[in-house]
C-alpha cells in the first residue's frame, strides 16, 4: 500500500513497504523526512493532520503548504473521476460520478455546516455520502430521490 502526497503540480508516492516506490524516504525525526525523487531532494516536516479529507499542513524545504495525502482507495476514486473536491471553489455540489440519488437530506433554505451530509449517491454498487465542502445556505436541490445523474450534474446549489 502506498500514499500519494500532492501539492501544486507535484505528486510524490510513498510506499508503506520497501517495494514499488518512485521516491526514497529517510526518516529524520518522528514527523520529518528527507525525500529524494527524480534527483530532487525535499525536506518534509508534518505540522498537523491529516484531517478527514486527507489534508495535511507541512513544510517542504521550509515552505509551509497544505497538501493532500491520498491512500490507495482515494487515489483510485480520484483516477475514476469520483473526487468530490472538484466543486469546492463555488460551494455548489456537483456529481463526482454518474449514479443514482438514493436519499436527499437537505432542501432549499436549509443552513448547513462544512462536512454535513447532503445526500447519498449510489455509484458502482457503492453508497457515497456527499457532504458540504463549506458552511452555507442551500439555494436549490434540482435532483430528487431515485433520479439518475451524470458526472458534473448540479446536486445542491448554495447562495453566493
Foldseek 3Di string as FASTA:
>chain_A
DWKWKDDDHDIAIGDPDPPDGQWDWDDPDPAWIWIAHPNDIWIKGWDDDDDPQQWTWIAINNRTDIIGIGDPVRVVCVVVQQDQCPPLVQQFTFGSAWFFWAFADDAAFDWDAAFAFGTWTDDPNDIDGRTGNHTFGWHHAPDDHGDIDGGGHTGTHGDD
